[in-house]
Amino acid sequence: MESMKAIIRGDGVNSSVEFSVEEVIARHHGKPWRELDEADRETEFKEYARGLFSRQTGLNADVDITLEPGTSSKTSI
């Protein structure tokens, strides 16, 4: 399972959240995932990360989000 890590920074905020790519795809509504270009997929990942951060912290701050491979992205089975 591939995962993503979102680094979240803003005014007084330095945090991160991690999630699986499959989570985002499963919760995605609208245009089929395979039809999204890379920029649209990145937007979906960032919006999902923003939602996770807000639910976990209760903050709805203006933050910058940077995506990185998650800890399980390089795990071989």
N, C-alpha and C. Protein backbone atom coordinates (compact mmCIF):
# COMPACT_ATOMS: atom_id res chain seq x y z
N MET A 1 0.85 -1.16 0.00
CA MET A 1 0.00 0.00 0.00
C MET A 1 0.90 1.24 0.00
N GLU A 2 0.71 2.09 -0.96
CA GLU A 2 1.49 3.31 -1.06
C GLU A 2 0.90 4.38 -0.15
N SER A 3 1.77 5.12 0.52
CA SER A 3 1.27 6.18 1.38
C SER A 3 1.92 7.51 1.03
N MET A 4 1.26 8.56 1.47
CA MET A 4 1.74 9.93 1.26
C MET A 4 1.89 10.57 2.63
N LYS A 5 2.87 11.46 2.73
CA LYS A 5 3.04 12.27 3.92
C LYS A 5 2.88 13.71 3.50
N ALA A 6 2.05 14.44 4.21
CA ALA A 6 1.83 15.85 3.92
C ALA A 6 2.45 16.66 5.05
N ILE A 7 3.42 17.50 4.70
CA ILE A 7 4.03 18.42 5.64
C ILE A 7 3.16 19.68 5.64
N ILE A 8 2.73 20.09 6.81
CA ILE A 8 1.78 21.20 6.93
C ILE A 8 2.43 22.31 7.74
N ARG A 9 2.56 23.48 7.09
CA ARG A 9 3.18 24.62 7.75
C ARG A 9 2.35 25.87 7.53
N GLY A 10 2.35 26.70 8.53
CA GLY A 10 1.64 27.97 8.45
C GLY A 10 2.00 28.81 9.65
N ASP A 11 1.25 29.85 9.89
CA ASP A 11 1.49 30.74 11.02
C ASP A 11 1.31 29.98 12.33
N GLY A 12 2.41 29.62 12.97
CA GLY A 12 2.37 28.86 14.21
C GLY A 12 2.08 27.39 14.03
N VAL A 13 2.08 26.90 12.81
CA VAL A 13 1.76 25.49 12.53
C VAL A 13 2.96 24.83 11.88
N ASN A 14 3.39 23.70 12.44
CA ASN A 14 4.44 22.87 11.86
C ASN A 14 4.06 21.43 12.19
N SER A 15 3.39 20.77 11.26
CA SER A 15 2.80 19.47 11.54
C SER A 15 2.89 18.59 10.29
N SER A 16 2.36 17.40 10.40
CA SER A 16 2.26 16.52 9.24
C SER A 16 1.14 15.51 9.47
N VAL A 17 0.65 14.96 8.38
CA VAL A 17 -0.31 13.85 8.42
C VAL A 17 0.13 12.84 7.38
N GLU A 18 -0.23 11.60 7.60
CA GLU A 18 0.12 10.55 6.64
C GLU A 18 -1.14 9.74 6.33
N PHE A 19 -1.26 9.33 5.08
CA PHE A 19 -2.46 8.62 4.64
C PHE A 19 -2.10 7.76 3.45
N SER A 20 -2.95 6.77 3.17
CA SER A 20 -2.71 5.92 2.01
C SER A 20 -3.33 6.54 0.76
N VAL A 21 -2.70 6.27 -0.35
CA VAL A 21 -3.23 6.74 -1.64
C VAL A 21 -4.60 6.13 -1.86
N GLU A 22 -4.78 4.88 -1.44
CA GLU A 22 -6.05 4.20 -1.61
C GLU A 22 -7.18 4.90 -0.86
N GLU A 23 -6.88 5.48 0.33
CA GLU A 23 -7.89 6.24 1.08
C GLU A 23 -8.44 7.39 0.24
N VAL A 24 -7.51 8.11 -0.38
CA VAL A 24 -7.91 9.29 -1.16
C VAL A 24 -8.73 8.86 -2.37
N ILE A 25 -8.28 7.83 -3.05
CA ILE A 25 -9.00 7.34 -4.23
C ILE A 25 -10.40 6.88 -3.84
N ALA A 26 -10.51 6.16 -2.72
CA ALA A 26 -11.81 5.63 -2.27
C ALA A 26 -12.79 6.75 -1.91
N ARG A 27 -12.29 7.87 -1.42
CA ARG A 27 -13.16 8.97 -1.00
C ARG A 27 -13.36 10.03 -2.08
N HIS A 28 -12.66 9.86 -3.19
CA HIS A 28 -12.75 10.82 -4.29
C HIS A 28 -14.10 10.73 -4.98
N HIS A 29 -14.70 11.88 -5.25
CA HIS A 29 -15.96 11.96 -6.00
C HIS A 29 -15.74 12.86 -7.20
N GLY A 30 -16.43 12.59 -8.24
CA GLY A 30 -16.30 13.40 -9.44
C GLY A 30 -15.71 12.59 -10.58
N LYS A 31 -14.90 13.26 -11.36
CA LYS A 31 -14.25 12.64 -12.52
C LYS A 31 -13.50 11.37 -12.08
N PRO A 32 -13.56 10.29 -12.85
CA PRO A 32 -12.83 9.07 -12.48
C PRO A 32 -11.34 9.36 -12.24
N TRP A 33 -10.78 8.72 -11.21
CA TRP A 33 -9.40 8.96 -10.80
C TRP A 33 -8.43 8.81 -11.97
N ARG A 34 -8.60 7.80 -12.78
CA ARG A 34 -7.68 7.53 -13.89
C ARG A 34 -7.70 8.64 -14.93
N GLU A 35 -8.75 9.47 -14.92
CA GLU A 35 -8.85 10.57 -15.88
C GLU A 35 -8.25 11.87 -15.36
N LEU A 36 -7.87 11.90 -14.08
CA LEU A 36 -7.27 13.10 -13.51
C LEU A 36 -5.80 13.22 -13.94
N ASP A 37 -5.37 14.44 -14.24
CA ASP A 37 -3.95 14.62 -14.54
C ASP A 37 -3.19 14.76 -13.22
N GLU A 38 -1.87 14.86 -13.30
CA GLU A 38 -1.04 14.90 -12.11
C GLU A 38 -1.37 16.08 -11.19
N ALA A 39 -1.63 17.24 -11.77
CA ALA A 39 -1.97 18.42 -10.98
C ALA A 39 -3.29 18.23 -10.22
N ASP A 40 -4.28 17.62 -10.88
CA ASP A 40 -5.56 17.36 -10.22
C ASP A 40 -5.41 16.35 -9.09
N ARG A 41 -4.59 15.33 -9.30
CA ARG A 41 -4.35 14.34 -8.24
C ARG A 41 -3.63 14.98 -7.06
N GLU A 42 -2.66 15.84 -7.34
CA GLU A 42 -1.96 16.53 -6.26
C GLU A 42 -2.93 17.40 -5.45
N THR A 43 -3.83 18.07 -6.14
CA THR A 43 -4.84 18.88 -5.46
C THR A 43 -5.70 18.00 -4.56
N GLU A 44 -6.11 16.83 -5.05
CA GLU A 44 -6.92 15.91 -4.25
C GLU A 44 -6.17 15.47 -3.00
N PHE A 45 -4.87 15.14 -3.15
CA PHE A 45 -4.05 14.72 -2.00
C PHE A 45 -3.95 15.85 -0.98
N LYS A 46 -3.72 17.06 -1.45
CA LYS A 46 -3.56 18.19 -0.54
C LYS A 46 -4.86 18.51 0.18
N GLU A 47 -5.98 18.46 -0.51
CA GLU A 47 -7.26 18.72 0.12
C GLU A 47 -7.60 17.64 1.16
N TYR A 48 -7.26 16.40 0.84
CA TYR A 48 -7.48 15.32 1.80
C TYR A 48 -6.62 15.55 3.04
N ALA A 49 -5.35 15.92 2.83
CA ALA A 49 -4.44 16.20 3.95
C ALA A 49 -4.96 17.36 4.79
N ARG A 50 -5.46 18.41 4.14
CA ARG A 50 -6.00 19.57 4.86
C ARG A 50 -7.18 19.13 5.73
N GLY A 51 -8.04 18.28 5.20
CA GLY A 51 -9.18 17.77 5.96
C GLY A 51 -8.75 16.93 7.17
N LEU A 52 -7.77 16.05 6.97
CA LEU A 52 -7.25 15.25 8.08
C LEU A 52 -6.68 16.14 9.17
N PHE A 53 -5.87 17.10 8.76
CA PHE A 53 -5.25 18.03 9.71
C PHE A 53 -6.33 18.77 10.50
N SER A 54 -7.34 19.27 9.83
CA SER A 54 -8.41 20.00 10.50
C SER A 54 -9.16 19.12 11.49
N ARG A 55 -9.45 17.88 11.10
CA ARG A 55 -10.16 16.97 12.01
C ARG A 55 -9.31 16.62 13.23
N GLN A 56 -8.00 16.42 13.02
CA GLN A 56 -7.13 16.02 14.12
C GLN A 56 -6.84 17.16 15.08
N THR A 57 -6.76 18.38 14.58
CA THR A 57 -6.34 19.50 15.42
C THR A 57 -7.47 20.46 15.78
N GLY A 58 -8.54 20.43 15.02
CA GLY A 58 -9.62 21.38 15.22
C GLY A 58 -9.32 22.74 14.62
N LEU A 59 -8.17 22.86 13.95
CA LEU A 59 -7.78 24.12 13.33
C LEU A 59 -8.20 24.15 11.87
N ASN A 60 -8.63 25.31 11.43
CA ASN A 60 -8.96 25.51 10.03
C ASN A 60 -8.11 26.67 9.52
N ALA A 61 -6.80 26.54 9.70
CA ALA A 61 -5.85 27.62 9.40
C ALA A 61 -5.45 27.62 7.93
N ASP A 62 -4.97 28.77 7.49
CA ASP A 62 -4.40 28.89 6.15
C ASP A 62 -2.99 28.31 6.22
N VAL A 63 -2.78 27.16 5.60
CA VAL A 63 -1.51 26.45 5.69
C VAL A 63 -0.98 26.10 4.30
N ASP A 64 0.34 25.89 4.23
CA ASP A 64 0.98 25.38 3.03
C ASP A 64 1.18 23.88 3.22
N ILE A 65 0.92 23.13 2.16
CA ILE A 65 1.04 21.68 2.23
C ILE A 65 2.03 21.21 1.18
N THR A 66 3.02 20.43 1.64
CA THR A 66 4.01 19.83 0.75
C THR A 66 3.86 18.32 0.84
N LEU A 67 3.80 17.65 -0.29
CA LEU A 67 3.63 16.20 -0.30
C LEU A 67 4.96 15.49 -0.45
N GLU A 68 5.10 14.38 0.28
CA GLU A 68 6.28 13.52 0.20
C GLU A 68 5.81 12.08 0.23
N PRO A 69 6.67 11.15 -0.20
CA PRO A 69 6.31 9.74 -0.04
C PRO A 69 6.17 9.42 1.46
N GLY A 70 5.23 8.57 1.79
CA GLY A 70 5.03 8.20 3.18
C GLY A 70 5.96 7.09 3.63
N THR A 71 5.87 6.71 4.88
CA THR A 71 6.77 5.71 5.43
C THR A 71 6.59 4.33 4.81
N SER A 72 5.38 3.99 4.39
CA SER A 72 5.17 2.67 3.80
C SER A 72 5.36 2.66 2.28
N SER A 73 5.74 3.80 1.69
CA SER A 73 5.91 3.85 0.24
C SER A 73 7.09 3.03 -0.24
N LYS A 74 8.09 2.88 0.62
CA LYS A 74 9.29 2.17 0.20
C LYS A 74 9.40 0.79 0.84
N THR A 75 8.31 0.34 1.46
CA THR A 75 8.31 -0.96 2.10
C THR A 75 8.14 -2.04 1.04
N SER A 76 9.04 -3.01 1.05
CA SER A 76 8.90 -4.12 0.11
C SER A 76 8.32 -5.32 0.82
N ILE A 77 7.48 -6.04 0.11
CA ILE A 77 6.80 -7.20 0.72
C ILE A 77 7.37 -8.47 0.13
